[in-house]
Protein backbone atom coordinates (compact mmCIF):
# COMPACT_ATOMS: atom_id res chain seq x y z
CA MET A 1 -36.36 -16.70 -0.56
CA THR A 2 -34.11 -14.44 -2.80
CA SER A 3 -32.40 -15.63 -6.09
CA THR A 4 -29.18 -13.42 -5.21
CA PRO A 5 -26.34 -15.74 -3.91
CA ASP A 6 -24.88 -15.19 -0.53
CA LEU A 7 -21.37 -14.01 -1.29
CA GLY A 8 -20.31 -13.53 2.29
CA PRO A 9 -19.07 -10.48 3.89
CA VAL A 10 -17.99 -7.34 1.76
CA PRO A 11 -14.18 -7.39 1.62
CA ARG A 12 -12.61 -4.66 3.73
CA ARG A 13 -10.77 -2.56 1.31
CA ILE A 14 -7.23 -1.12 1.94
CA ALA A 15 -5.66 2.11 0.59
CA VAL A 16 -2.66 1.98 -1.78
CA ASP A 17 -0.96 5.14 -3.15
CA ALA A 18 1.76 5.73 -5.58
CA GLU A 19 4.29 6.46 -2.81
CA GLN A 20 3.60 3.00 -1.21
CA VAL A 21 4.23 1.53 -4.57
CA ARG A 22 7.42 3.39 -5.02
CA ARG A 23 8.74 2.08 -1.62
CA LEU A 24 7.63 -1.52 -2.53
CA ILE A 25 9.39 -1.30 -5.86
CA ALA A 26 12.61 0.16 -4.27
CA GLY A 27 12.77 -2.48 -1.64
CA GLN A 28 12.02 -5.44 -4.02
CA PHE A 29 13.23 -4.34 -7.51
CA PRO A 30 15.92 -1.67 -6.87
CA ARG A 31 16.93 -1.51 -10.55
CA TRP A 32 13.32 -0.09 -11.19
CA ALA A 33 13.34 2.21 -8.19
CA GLY A 34 13.85 5.38 -10.34
CA LEU A 35 10.94 4.60 -12.74
CA PRO A 36 7.93 6.90 -12.50
CA VAL A 37 4.81 5.58 -10.80
CA ARG A 38 1.36 6.76 -11.94
CA PRO A 39 -1.95 5.32 -10.96
CA VAL A 40 -4.28 3.93 -13.76
CA THR A 41 -7.36 6.00 -13.89
CA HIS A 42 -9.80 3.02 -13.95
CA GLY A 43 -7.69 0.27 -12.49
CA GLY A 44 -10.47 -2.09 -11.59
CA TRP A 45 -12.08 -3.13 -8.31
CA ASP A 46 -9.99 -6.11 -7.06
CA ASN A 47 -6.64 -4.35 -7.70
CA PHE A 48 -4.95 -1.02 -7.66
CA THR A 49 -3.03 -0.70 -10.91
CA PHE A 50 -0.06 1.72 -11.43
CA HIS A 51 2.00 2.48 -14.46
CA LEU A 52 5.62 1.75 -13.81
CA GLY A 53 7.66 3.45 -16.32
CA GLU A 54 6.41 3.42 -19.76
CA GLY A 55 6.10 -0.32 -20.36
CA MET A 56 5.14 -2.04 -17.05
CA VAL A 57 2.37 -2.04 -14.54
CA ALA A 58 2.20 -2.84 -10.82
CA ARG A 59 -1.02 -4.34 -9.56
CA LEU A 60 -1.78 -4.70 -5.82
CA PRO A 61 -4.95 -6.14 -4.44
CA SER A 62 -7.39 -3.67 -2.90
CA ALA A 63 -8.43 -6.14 -0.18
CA ALA A 64 -6.92 -9.14 1.60
CA GLU A 65 -9.58 -11.50 -0.05
CA TYR A 66 -8.47 -10.45 -3.55
CA ALA A 67 -4.87 -11.45 -2.83
CA LEU A 68 -5.86 -15.05 -3.39
CA ALA A 69 -6.79 -14.43 -7.11
CA VAL A 70 -3.32 -12.58 -7.88
CA GLU A 71 -1.79 -15.77 -9.42
CA LYS A 72 -4.71 -16.13 -11.91
């Protein structure tokens, strides 16, 4: 018996890039469509994080399983 808890299967991570974020922003928030989008160097594991302009960030889950924690 091991003391390591069973966390279930490893989530299947998806790819997210700056161009995809630009398209999502343009479609959902057209007033921000012209802002530059740059990936955050160390954005974490559960989310991909991008700078949106100078004062905002966009965070997208890196796997479907992590989407459930977005509201936290």
